[in-house]
Amino acid sequence: MEEEILREEEEMVALDADAGFDDADINQQGSGARTGARRRQRAATPERRKRIRGKLSKDEKEHSSKVFRDVWLEAEEFKGWLAKVKDDPKKAYCKLCNATLTAGKSELQKHGSGQKHKDKMKGVKNVKPLNEIFSPARMTKEQKLADDTKKAEIMICAFFAEHNVALQASDHLIPLMKKAIPDSEIMKKVTLDRT
């Protein structure tokens, strides 16, 4: 019986501490403050009492934690700067600010509305990704031909290195290939002479 009373008293002290009351407040305001705070605490958040006692069910524990959702990566407000943290599903990562954040939607929205983040967003707003800048669709015919010529030269050099062919052979092989394939624009541009 005494143990139960002591346990209840400890719970009341814990609830009072959570409500912002300490012994000085209770002595100053009277015991009614403690009772009122305890009643408000009990009535307002029964889950909190369970959490303090360690009696939350498994579903309640999982529900209370915030987990990263892949849907947020496609959301317009997070697009371009939000990333998932691989090892921790309860965290998110801001690519612009180089910051790890709690994976709650309200926390992410709060971070996105911060001044530091907004300033960094202005800096990258008009920047295009490299794969978009150098995409083959944006290249002119001359640029595409130059790019294909470089690829051909690299492939020929890789062949020489892989098969241990002497580089002196390139002085004779390239003119031979140009004669053998006269209709290729790429072969006309290839220049692999020794310097």
N, C-alpha and C. Protein backbone atom coordinates (compact mmCIF):
# COMPACT_ATOMS: atom_id res chain seq x y z
N MET A 1 0.82 -1.19 0.00
CA MET A 1 0.00 0.00 0.00
C MET A 1 0.87 1.26 0.00
N GLU A 2 1.90 1.26 0.87
CA GLU A 2 2.80 2.41 0.93
C GLU A 2 3.54 2.61 -0.39
N GLU A 3 3.94 1.51 -1.00
CA GLU A 3 4.65 1.58 -2.29
C GLU A 3 3.77 2.22 -3.35
N GLU A 4 2.49 1.86 -3.36
CA GLU A 4 1.55 2.41 -4.34
C GLU A 4 1.39 3.92 -4.15
N ILE A 5 1.31 4.36 -2.89
CA ILE A 5 1.17 5.78 -2.59
C ILE A 5 2.43 6.53 -3.02
N LEU A 6 3.61 5.95 -2.74
CA LEU A 6 4.86 6.58 -3.16
C LEU A 6 4.95 6.68 -4.68
N ARG A 7 4.52 5.61 -5.36
CA ARG A 7 4.56 5.62 -6.82
C ARG A 7 3.63 6.71 -7.38
N GLU A 8 2.42 6.82 -6.80
CA GLU A 8 1.48 7.86 -7.25
C GLU A 8 2.04 9.26 -6.99
N GLU A 9 2.72 9.43 -5.84
CA GLU A 9 3.31 10.73 -5.51
C GLU A 9 4.41 11.08 -6.52
N GLU A 10 5.23 10.07 -6.90
CA GLU A 10 6.28 10.30 -7.91
C GLU A 10 5.66 10.67 -9.26
N GLU A 11 4.56 10.02 -9.61
CA GLU A 11 3.87 10.35 -10.86
C GLU A 11 3.33 11.76 -10.83
N MET A 12 2.78 12.18 -9.66
CA MET A 12 2.25 13.53 -9.54
C MET A 12 3.37 14.56 -9.69
N VAL A 13 4.50 14.29 -9.10
CA VAL A 13 5.65 15.21 -9.20
C VAL A 13 6.11 15.30 -10.66
N ALA A 14 6.13 14.12 -11.32
CA ALA A 14 6.53 14.12 -12.74
C ALA A 14 5.52 14.89 -13.58
N LEU A 15 4.23 14.70 -13.32
CA LEU A 15 3.20 15.43 -14.06
C LEU A 15 3.29 16.93 -13.79
N ASP A 16 3.55 17.29 -12.52
CA ASP A 16 3.70 18.70 -12.18
C ASP A 16 4.90 19.31 -12.90
N ALA A 17 5.98 18.55 -12.98
CA ALA A 17 7.17 19.05 -13.66
C ALA A 17 6.88 19.25 -15.14
N ASP A 18 6.16 18.32 -15.74
CA ASP A 18 5.77 18.46 -17.15
C ASP A 18 4.86 19.66 -17.36
N ALA A 19 4.01 19.96 -16.36
CA ALA A 19 3.10 21.09 -16.47
C ALA A 19 3.80 22.41 -16.15
N GLY A 20 5.04 22.35 -15.68
CA GLY A 20 5.79 23.57 -15.40
C GLY A 20 5.73 24.01 -13.95
N PHE A 21 5.27 23.16 -13.05
CA PHE A 21 5.19 23.51 -11.64
C PHE A 21 6.34 22.86 -10.89
N ASP A 22 6.91 23.61 -9.95
CA ASP A 22 7.88 23.01 -9.04
C ASP A 22 7.37 23.24 -7.61
N ASP A 23 8.09 22.77 -6.63
CA ASP A 23 7.63 22.87 -5.24
C ASP A 23 7.43 24.31 -4.80
N ALA A 24 8.26 25.23 -5.28
CA ALA A 24 8.12 26.64 -4.89
C ALA A 24 6.80 27.20 -5.41
N ASP A 25 6.43 26.87 -6.64
CA ASP A 25 5.16 27.34 -7.19
C ASP A 25 3.98 26.79 -6.39
N ILE A 26 4.06 25.52 -6.04
CA ILE A 26 2.95 24.88 -5.33
C ILE A 26 2.81 25.46 -3.93
N ASN A 27 3.95 25.72 -3.24
CA ASN A 27 3.89 26.32 -1.90
C ASN A 27 3.33 27.74 -1.98
N GLN A 28 3.67 28.47 -3.04
CA GLN A 28 3.22 29.85 -3.19
C GLN A 28 1.74 29.90 -3.56
N GLN A 29 1.29 29.00 -4.44
CA GLN A 29 -0.08 29.04 -4.93
C GLN A 29 -1.01 28.13 -4.13
N GLY A 30 -0.48 27.33 -3.27
CA GLY A 30 -1.31 26.41 -2.49
C GLY A 30 -1.43 25.08 -3.19
N SER A 31 -1.94 24.09 -2.47
CA SER A 31 -2.03 22.75 -3.02
C SER A 31 -3.05 22.67 -4.14
N GLY A 32 -3.94 23.66 -4.24
CA GLY A 32 -4.93 23.67 -5.32
C GLY A 32 -4.27 23.78 -6.68
N ALA A 33 -3.12 24.46 -6.75
CA ALA A 33 -2.40 24.59 -8.02
C ALA A 33 -1.93 23.23 -8.50
N ARG A 34 -1.42 22.43 -7.54
CA ARG A 34 -0.94 21.10 -7.92
C ARG A 34 -2.11 20.24 -8.39
N THR A 35 -3.21 20.27 -7.67
CA THR A 35 -4.37 19.46 -8.04
C THR A 35 -4.91 19.91 -9.39
N GLY A 36 -5.01 21.22 -9.60
CA GLY A 36 -5.52 21.74 -10.88
C GLY A 36 -4.61 21.38 -12.04
N ALA A 37 -3.30 21.51 -11.81
CA ALA A 37 -2.35 21.17 -12.86
C ALA A 37 -2.43 19.69 -13.18
N ARG A 38 -2.54 18.88 -12.12
CA ARG A 38 -2.60 17.43 -12.33
C ARG A 38 -3.88 17.06 -13.09
N ARG A 39 -5.00 17.68 -12.73
CA ARG A 39 -6.26 17.39 -13.42
C ARG A 39 -6.18 17.80 -14.88
N ARG A 40 -5.64 18.99 -15.13
CA ARG A 40 -5.50 19.45 -16.53
C ARG A 40 -4.61 18.50 -17.31
N GLN A 41 -3.55 18.08 -16.65
CA GLN A 41 -2.60 17.19 -17.31
C GLN A 41 -3.27 15.86 -17.64
N ARG A 42 -4.00 15.31 -16.70
CA ARG A 42 -4.65 14.02 -16.91
C ARG A 42 -5.73 14.14 -17.97
N ALA A 43 -6.52 15.19 -17.92
CA ALA A 43 -7.63 15.33 -18.86
C ALA A 43 -7.14 15.63 -20.27
N ALA A 44 -6.08 16.42 -20.38
CA ALA A 44 -5.63 16.87 -21.69
C ALA A 44 -4.87 15.80 -22.46
N THR A 45 -4.01 15.07 -21.78
CA THR A 45 -3.15 14.12 -22.51
C THR A 45 -3.04 12.79 -21.78
N PRO A 46 -3.98 11.91 -21.97
CA PRO A 46 -3.84 10.60 -21.33
C PRO A 46 -2.69 9.79 -21.92
N GLU A 47 -2.38 10.04 -23.17
CA GLU A 47 -1.24 9.35 -23.79
C GLU A 47 0.07 9.73 -23.12
N ARG A 48 0.15 10.98 -22.67
CA ARG A 48 1.37 11.44 -22.02
C ARG A 48 1.59 10.69 -20.70
N ARG A 49 0.48 10.47 -19.97
CA ARG A 49 0.60 9.70 -18.73
C ARG A 49 1.07 8.29 -19.02
N LYS A 50 0.51 7.69 -20.06
CA LYS A 50 0.93 6.34 -20.42
C LYS A 50 2.40 6.33 -20.80
N ARG A 51 2.83 7.37 -21.51
CA ARG A 51 4.23 7.45 -21.92
C ARG A 51 5.14 7.57 -20.70
N ILE A 52 4.73 8.37 -19.71
CA ILE A 52 5.52 8.54 -18.50
C ILE A 52 5.62 7.22 -17.75
N ARG A 53 4.53 6.49 -17.70
CA ARG A 53 4.52 5.20 -17.00
C ARG A 53 5.15 4.09 -17.83
N GLY A 54 5.38 4.35 -19.09
CA GLY A 54 5.95 3.33 -19.96
C GLY A 54 4.92 2.29 -20.38
N LYS A 55 3.66 2.70 -20.46
CA LYS A 55 2.59 1.76 -20.78
C LYS A 55 1.96 2.03 -22.15
N LEU A 56 2.68 2.70 -23.05
CA LEU A 56 2.15 2.90 -24.40
C LEU A 56 2.16 1.58 -25.15
N SER A 57 1.12 1.35 -25.92
CA SER A 57 1.10 0.13 -26.74
C SER A 57 2.06 0.31 -27.91
N LYS A 58 2.36 -0.78 -28.58
CA LYS A 58 3.31 -0.76 -29.69
C LYS A 58 2.81 0.18 -30.81
N ASP A 59 1.49 0.12 -31.11
CA ASP A 59 0.92 0.98 -32.15
C ASP A 59 1.04 2.45 -31.79
N GLU A 60 0.80 2.78 -30.51
CA GLU A 60 0.89 4.18 -30.08
C GLU A 60 2.32 4.69 -30.17
N LYS A 61 3.30 3.84 -29.83
CA LYS A 61 4.70 4.25 -29.92
C LYS A 61 5.09 4.53 -31.36
N GLU A 62 4.70 3.64 -32.29
CA GLU A 62 5.05 3.82 -33.70
C GLU A 62 4.34 5.02 -34.29
N HIS A 63 3.10 5.25 -33.85
CA HIS A 63 2.34 6.36 -34.39
C HIS A 63 2.94 7.71 -34.00
N SER A 64 3.50 7.77 -32.78
CA SER A 64 4.01 9.05 -32.30
C SER A 64 5.33 9.45 -32.95
N SER A 65 6.05 8.49 -33.56
CA SER A 65 7.32 8.83 -34.19
C SER A 65 7.10 9.35 -35.60
N LYS A 66 7.94 10.25 -36.04
CA LYS A 66 7.84 10.85 -37.36
C LYS A 66 8.81 10.15 -38.30
N VAL A 67 8.31 9.71 -39.44
CA VAL A 67 9.10 8.93 -40.39
C VAL A 67 9.08 9.64 -41.73
N PHE A 68 10.22 9.60 -42.43
CA PHE A 68 10.34 10.22 -43.74
C PHE A 68 9.41 9.53 -44.73
N ARG A 69 8.73 10.31 -45.55
CA ARG A 69 7.82 9.77 -46.57
C ARG A 69 8.36 10.13 -47.95
N ASP A 70 8.48 9.12 -48.82
CA ASP A 70 9.01 9.32 -50.16
C ASP A 70 8.15 10.25 -51.00
N VAL A 71 6.89 10.39 -50.66
CA VAL A 71 5.98 11.28 -51.39
C VAL A 71 6.46 12.73 -51.31
N TRP A 72 7.12 13.07 -50.22
CA TRP A 72 7.60 14.44 -50.03
C TRP A 72 8.64 14.83 -51.08
N LEU A 73 9.37 13.86 -51.62
CA LEU A 73 10.39 14.18 -52.62
C LEU A 73 9.78 14.77 -53.88
N GLU A 74 8.52 14.41 -54.17
CA GLU A 74 7.82 14.91 -55.35
C GLU A 74 6.98 16.15 -55.06
N ALA A 75 6.78 16.46 -53.79
CA ALA A 75 5.97 17.63 -53.42
C ALA A 75 6.68 18.90 -53.87
N GLU A 76 5.91 19.84 -54.38
CA GLU A 76 6.46 21.07 -54.93
C GLU A 76 7.24 21.88 -53.89
N GLU A 77 6.77 21.89 -52.65
CA GLU A 77 7.42 22.70 -51.61
C GLU A 77 8.78 22.14 -51.19
N PHE A 78 9.02 20.83 -51.42
CA PHE A 78 10.28 20.22 -51.03
C PHE A 78 11.16 19.83 -52.22
N LYS A 79 10.64 19.97 -53.41
CA LYS A 79 11.34 19.49 -54.61
C LYS A 79 12.66 20.23 -54.81
N GLY A 80 13.71 19.46 -55.06
CA GLY A 80 15.00 20.03 -55.37
C GLY A 80 15.96 20.14 -54.20
N TRP A 81 15.44 20.18 -52.97
CA TRP A 81 16.35 20.35 -51.85
C TRP A 81 16.25 19.26 -50.80
N LEU A 82 15.16 18.50 -50.79
CA LEU A 82 14.97 17.48 -49.77
C LEU A 82 15.52 16.14 -50.23
N ALA A 83 16.17 15.43 -49.33
CA ALA A 83 16.68 14.09 -49.62
C ALA A 83 16.46 13.20 -48.41
N LYS A 84 16.42 11.91 -48.65
CA LYS A 84 16.21 10.93 -47.60
C LYS A 84 17.56 10.55 -47.00
N VAL A 85 17.63 10.38 -45.69
CA VAL A 85 18.83 9.90 -45.03
C VAL A 85 18.78 8.37 -45.07
N LYS A 86 19.81 7.74 -45.62
CA LYS A 86 19.78 6.29 -45.87
C LYS A 86 19.60 5.46 -44.60
N ASP A 87 20.38 5.71 -43.59
CA ASP A 87 20.41 4.84 -42.42
C ASP A 87 19.37 5.19 -41.36
N ASP A 88 18.74 6.36 -41.45
CA ASP A 88 17.81 6.79 -40.40
C ASP A 88 16.49 7.24 -41.01
N PRO A 89 15.43 6.44 -40.89
CA PRO A 89 14.15 6.81 -41.48
C PRO A 89 13.46 7.98 -40.76
N LYS A 90 13.97 8.35 -39.60
CA LYS A 90 13.38 9.45 -38.85
C LYS A 90 14.07 10.78 -39.14
N LYS A 91 14.96 10.80 -40.13
CA LYS A 91 15.69 12.02 -40.48
C LYS A 91 15.52 12.34 -41.95
N ALA A 92 15.69 13.62 -42.28
CA ALA A 92 15.67 14.10 -43.65
C ALA A 92 16.91 14.98 -43.83
N TYR A 93 17.26 15.26 -45.09
CA TYR A 93 18.48 16.02 -45.37
C TYR A 93 18.18 17.15 -46.34
N CYS A 94 18.64 18.34 -46.02
CA CYS A 94 18.50 19.50 -46.90
C CYS A 94 19.80 19.63 -47.69
N LYS A 95 19.71 19.45 -49.01
CA LYS A 95 20.89 19.50 -49.87
C LYS A 95 21.48 20.91 -49.92
N LEU A 96 20.64 21.92 -49.84
CA LEU A 96 21.13 23.30 -49.94
C LEU A 96 21.87 23.74 -48.69
N CYS A 97 21.27 23.47 -47.55
CA CYS A 97 21.85 23.93 -46.28
C CYS A 97 22.84 22.94 -45.69
N ASN A 98 22.93 21.75 -46.29
CA ASN A 98 23.80 20.69 -45.79
C ASN A 98 23.46 20.38 -44.34
N ALA A 99 22.14 20.20 -44.07
CA ALA A 99 21.67 20.00 -42.70
C ALA A 99 20.80 18.76 -42.61
N THR A 100 20.94 18.03 -41.51
CA THR A 100 20.09 16.89 -41.23
C THR A 100 18.93 17.37 -40.36
N LEU A 101 17.72 17.01 -40.74
CA LEU A 101 16.52 17.51 -40.08
C LEU A 101 15.68 16.36 -39.56
N THR A 102 14.79 16.66 -38.62
CA THR A 102 13.81 15.67 -38.17
C THR A 102 12.79 15.47 -39.29
N ALA A 103 12.42 14.22 -39.53
CA ALA A 103 11.55 13.91 -40.67
C ALA A 103 10.08 14.08 -40.32
N GLY A 104 9.71 15.26 -39.97
CA GLY A 104 8.30 15.59 -39.77
C GLY A 104 7.92 16.66 -40.77
N LYS A 105 6.73 16.57 -41.33
CA LYS A 105 6.34 17.52 -42.37
C LYS A 105 6.38 18.95 -41.85
N SER A 106 5.89 19.17 -40.63
CA SER A 106 5.88 20.53 -40.09
C SER A 106 7.30 21.05 -39.87
N GLU A 107 8.23 20.17 -39.46
CA GLU A 107 9.62 20.58 -39.27
C GLU A 107 10.26 20.94 -40.61
N LEU A 108 9.94 20.16 -41.64
CA LEU A 108 10.49 20.44 -42.97
C LEU A 108 9.93 21.74 -43.53
N GLN A 109 8.64 21.97 -43.32
CA GLN A 109 8.03 23.22 -43.78
C GLN A 109 8.64 24.41 -43.04
N LYS A 110 8.88 24.25 -41.75
CA LYS A 110 9.48 25.32 -40.96
C LYS A 110 10.89 25.61 -41.46
N HIS A 111 11.66 24.56 -41.76
CA HIS A 111 13.01 24.76 -42.29
C HIS A 111 12.95 25.47 -43.64
N GLY A 112 12.02 25.03 -44.49
CA GLY A 112 11.88 25.63 -45.83
C GLY A 112 11.49 27.09 -45.78
N SER A 113 10.83 27.52 -44.73
CA SER A 113 10.42 28.92 -44.64
C SER A 113 11.45 29.78 -43.91
N GLY A 114 12.54 29.17 -43.46
CA GLY A 114 13.60 29.91 -42.77
C GLY A 114 14.38 30.82 -43.72
N GLN A 115 14.92 31.90 -43.20
CA GLN A 115 15.61 32.90 -44.02
C GLN A 115 16.88 32.34 -44.66
N LYS A 116 17.65 31.57 -43.91
CA LYS A 116 18.90 30.99 -44.44
C LYS A 116 18.58 30.09 -45.64
N HIS A 117 17.54 29.27 -45.50
CA HIS A 117 17.16 28.36 -46.59
C HIS A 117 16.63 29.15 -47.79
N LYS A 118 15.84 30.17 -47.54
CA LYS A 118 15.30 30.98 -48.64
C LYS A 118 16.42 31.66 -49.42
N ASP A 119 17.43 32.16 -48.72
CA ASP A 119 18.56 32.81 -49.39
C ASP A 119 19.30 31.83 -50.30
N LYS A 120 19.45 30.60 -49.82
CA LYS A 120 20.13 29.60 -50.64
C LYS A 120 19.28 29.17 -51.83
N MET A 121 17.96 29.17 -51.65
CA MET A 121 17.05 28.82 -52.75
C MET A 121 17.15 29.86 -53.87
N LYS A 122 17.31 31.13 -53.51
CA LYS A 122 17.44 32.18 -54.53
C LYS A 122 18.69 31.95 -55.37
N GLY A 123 19.76 31.49 -54.73
CA GLY A 123 21.02 31.27 -55.43
C GLY A 123 20.97 30.16 -56.46
N VAL A 124 20.16 29.15 -56.24
CA VAL A 124 20.12 28.01 -57.15
C VAL A 124 18.85 27.94 -57.99
N LYS A 125 18.02 28.94 -57.89
CA LYS A 125 16.73 28.90 -58.59
C LYS A 125 16.90 28.81 -60.10
N ASN A 126 17.82 29.55 -60.68
CA ASN A 126 17.98 29.59 -62.13
C ASN A 126 19.10 28.70 -62.65
N VAL A 127 19.70 27.90 -61.79
CA VAL A 127 20.79 27.01 -62.19
C VAL A 127 20.19 25.73 -62.78
N LYS A 128 20.69 25.34 -63.94
CA LYS A 128 20.20 24.12 -64.59
C LYS A 128 21.17 22.99 -64.29
N PRO A 129 20.66 21.76 -64.16
CA PRO A 129 21.54 20.61 -63.91
C PRO A 129 22.49 20.37 -65.08
N LEU A 130 23.67 19.83 -64.79
CA LEU A 130 24.68 19.59 -65.83
C LEU A 130 24.18 18.65 -66.92
N ASN A 131 23.44 17.61 -66.52
CA ASN A 131 22.96 16.68 -67.54
C ASN A 131 21.97 17.34 -68.49
N GLU A 132 21.33 18.40 -68.04
CA GLU A 132 20.41 19.13 -68.91
C GLU A 132 21.18 20.07 -69.83
N ILE A 133 22.26 20.64 -69.35
CA ILE A 133 23.06 21.57 -70.14
C ILE A 133 23.77 20.83 -71.28
N PHE A 134 24.32 19.66 -70.95
CA PHE A 134 25.10 18.91 -71.93
C PHE A 134 24.32 17.78 -72.59
N SER A 135 23.01 17.86 -72.56
CA SER A 135 22.22 16.78 -73.16
C SER A 135 22.35 16.82 -74.68
N PRO A 136 22.32 15.66 -75.34
CA PRO A 136 22.46 15.61 -76.80
C PRO A 136 21.35 16.37 -77.52
N ALA A 137 20.21 16.53 -76.91
CA ALA A 137 19.11 17.24 -77.56
C ALA A 137 19.44 18.72 -77.75
N ARG A 138 20.29 19.28 -76.91
CA ARG A 138 20.62 20.70 -76.98
C ARG A 138 21.85 20.98 -77.84
N MET A 139 22.53 19.94 -78.30
CA MET A 139 23.76 20.12 -79.07
C MET A 139 23.44 20.42 -80.53
N THR A 140 24.27 21.25 -81.11
CA THR A 140 24.16 21.48 -82.55
C THR A 140 24.82 20.31 -83.28
N LYS A 141 24.67 20.25 -84.59
CA LYS A 141 25.28 19.15 -85.36
C LYS A 141 26.80 19.14 -85.21
N GLU A 142 27.40 20.33 -85.21
CA GLU A 142 28.86 20.43 -85.08
C GLU A 142 29.31 19.94 -83.70
N GLN A 143 28.56 20.32 -82.65
CA GLN A 143 28.91 19.89 -81.30
C GLN A 143 28.76 18.37 -81.16
N LYS A 144 27.69 17.82 -81.74
CA LYS A 144 27.48 16.37 -81.69
C LYS A 144 28.59 15.63 -82.44
N LEU A 145 29.00 16.16 -83.60
CA LEU A 145 30.07 15.54 -84.37
C LEU A 145 31.38 15.58 -83.58
N ALA A 146 31.68 16.71 -82.95
CA ALA A 146 32.89 16.83 -82.14
C ALA A 146 32.85 15.87 -80.95
N ASP A 147 31.68 15.75 -80.33
CA ASP A 147 31.53 14.83 -79.20
C ASP A 147 31.71 13.38 -79.64
N ASP A 148 31.11 13.01 -80.76
CA ASP A 148 31.24 11.64 -81.27
C ASP A 148 32.68 11.35 -81.69
N THR A 149 33.38 12.35 -82.23
CA THR A 149 34.77 12.18 -82.63
C THR A 149 35.65 11.90 -81.41
N LYS A 150 35.40 12.64 -80.32
CA LYS A 150 36.16 12.42 -79.08
C LYS A 150 35.91 11.02 -78.55
N LYS A 151 34.66 10.57 -78.61
CA LYS A 151 34.34 9.22 -78.15
C LYS A 151 35.09 8.18 -78.97
N ALA A 152 35.13 8.36 -80.28
CA ALA A 152 35.83 7.42 -81.16
C ALA A 152 37.33 7.40 -80.84
N GLU A 153 37.92 8.57 -80.64
CA GLU A 153 39.34 8.65 -80.31
C GLU A 153 39.64 7.95 -78.99
N ILE A 154 38.78 8.15 -78.01
CA ILE A 154 38.98 7.51 -76.70
C ILE A 154 38.86 5.99 -76.83
N MET A 155 37.90 5.52 -77.63
CA MET A 155 37.73 4.08 -77.80
C MET A 155 38.95 3.46 -78.49
N ILE A 156 39.51 4.17 -79.47
CA ILE A 156 40.70 3.66 -80.17
C ILE A 156 41.89 3.61 -79.21
N CYS A 157 42.06 4.67 -78.41
CA CYS A 157 43.15 4.70 -77.43
C CYS A 157 43.00 3.58 -76.40
N ALA A 158 41.75 3.35 -75.96
CA ALA A 158 41.49 2.28 -75.00
C ALA A 158 41.84 0.93 -75.62
N PHE A 159 41.54 0.75 -76.90
CA PHE A 159 41.88 -0.50 -77.60
C PHE A 159 43.39 -0.71 -77.61
N PHE A 160 44.14 0.37 -77.93
CA PHE A 160 45.61 0.27 -77.93
C PHE A 160 46.14 -0.12 -76.55
N ALA A 161 45.59 0.50 -75.51
CA ALA A 161 46.07 0.23 -74.16
C ALA A 161 45.68 -1.19 -73.70
N GLU A 162 44.46 -1.60 -74.01
CA GLU A 162 43.98 -2.91 -73.56
C GLU A 162 44.74 -4.05 -74.22
N HIS A 163 45.05 -3.89 -75.51
CA HIS A 163 45.70 -4.97 -76.25
C HIS A 163 47.21 -4.78 -76.41
N ASN A 164 47.74 -3.80 -75.69
CA ASN A 164 49.17 -3.55 -75.67
C ASN A 164 49.73 -3.33 -77.08
N VAL A 165 49.01 -2.54 -77.87
CA VAL A 165 49.44 -2.21 -79.24
C VAL A 165 50.33 -0.98 -79.15
N ALA A 166 51.42 -0.96 -79.91
CA ALA A 166 52.34 0.17 -79.90
C ALA A 166 51.65 1.41 -80.45
N LEU A 167 51.90 2.54 -79.82
CA LEU A 167 51.29 3.79 -80.28
C LEU A 167 51.77 4.19 -81.68
N GLN A 168 52.90 3.69 -82.09
CA GLN A 168 53.40 3.98 -83.44
C GLN A 168 52.44 3.45 -84.50
N ALA A 169 51.67 2.43 -84.15
CA ALA A 169 50.70 1.87 -85.10
C ALA A 169 49.58 2.85 -85.41
N SER A 170 49.32 3.78 -84.49
CA SER A 170 48.24 4.74 -84.73
C SER A 170 48.57 5.66 -85.92
N ASP A 171 49.87 5.91 -86.16
CA ASP A 171 50.27 6.74 -87.31
C ASP A 171 49.84 6.10 -88.62
N HIS A 172 49.75 4.78 -88.66
CA HIS A 172 49.37 4.07 -89.88
C HIS A 172 47.90 3.63 -89.87
N LEU A 173 47.37 3.34 -88.67
CA LEU A 173 46.00 2.82 -88.56
C LEU A 173 44.96 3.89 -88.89
N ILE A 174 45.13 5.09 -88.40
CA ILE A 174 44.13 6.14 -88.61
C ILE A 174 43.98 6.48 -90.09
N PRO A 175 45.07 6.73 -90.84
CA PRO A 175 44.89 6.97 -92.29
C PRO A 175 44.25 5.78 -93.01
N LEU A 176 44.58 4.55 -92.56
CA LEU A 176 43.99 3.36 -93.16
C LEU A 176 42.47 3.32 -92.92
N MET A 177 42.05 3.65 -91.69
CA MET A 177 40.61 3.64 -91.36
C MET A 177 39.88 4.75 -92.14
N LYS A 178 40.53 5.90 -92.34
CA LYS A 178 39.90 6.99 -93.10
C LYS A 178 39.67 6.57 -94.56
N LYS A 179 40.63 5.79 -95.12
CA LYS A 179 40.48 5.31 -96.49
C LYS A 179 39.42 4.20 -96.56
N ALA A 180 39.38 3.34 -95.54
CA ALA A 180 38.45 2.21 -95.54
C ALA A 180 37.01 2.67 -95.30
N ILE A 181 36.84 3.74 -94.55
CA ILE A 181 35.49 4.26 -94.24
C ILE A 181 35.42 5.72 -94.71
N PRO A 182 35.35 5.98 -96.02
CA PRO A 182 35.39 7.36 -96.51
C PRO A 182 34.10 8.14 -96.26
N ASP A 183 32.99 7.46 -96.06
CA ASP A 183 31.73 8.19 -95.88
C ASP A 183 31.46 8.58 -94.43
N SER A 184 32.32 8.22 -93.49
CA SER A 184 32.11 8.54 -92.09
C SER A 184 32.66 9.93 -91.76
N GLU A 185 31.77 10.79 -91.30
CA GLU A 185 32.18 12.15 -90.89
C GLU A 185 33.04 12.09 -89.63
N ILE A 186 32.73 11.12 -88.77
CA ILE A 186 33.50 10.97 -87.53
C ILE A 186 34.94 10.60 -87.84
N MET A 187 35.14 9.61 -88.73
CA MET A 187 36.51 9.17 -89.06
C MET A 187 37.29 10.26 -89.76
N LYS A 188 36.62 11.14 -90.51
CA LYS A 188 37.33 12.24 -91.17
C LYS A 188 37.92 13.20 -90.13
N LYS A 189 37.27 13.32 -88.97
CA LYS A 189 37.71 14.25 -87.92
C LYS A 189 38.70 13.65 -86.94
N VAL A 190 38.82 12.32 -86.88
CA VAL A 190 39.70 11.66 -85.91
C VAL A 190 41.15 12.02 -86.23
N THR A 191 41.87 12.45 -85.18
CA THR A 191 43.30 12.75 -85.31
C THR A 191 44.04 12.15 -84.12
N LEU A 192 44.67 11.01 -84.33
CA LEU A 192 45.44 10.37 -83.27
C LEU A 192 46.89 10.22 -83.69
N ASP A 193 47.50 11.28 -84.11
CA ASP A 193 48.91 11.24 -84.48
C ASP A 193 49.76 11.47 -83.24
N ARG A 194 50.95 10.93 -83.29
CA ARG A 194 51.89 11.17 -82.18
C ARG A 194 52.32 12.62 -82.22
N THR A 195 52.53 13.17 -81.04
CA THR A 195 52.98 14.58 -80.98
C THR A 195 54.40 14.64 -80.48
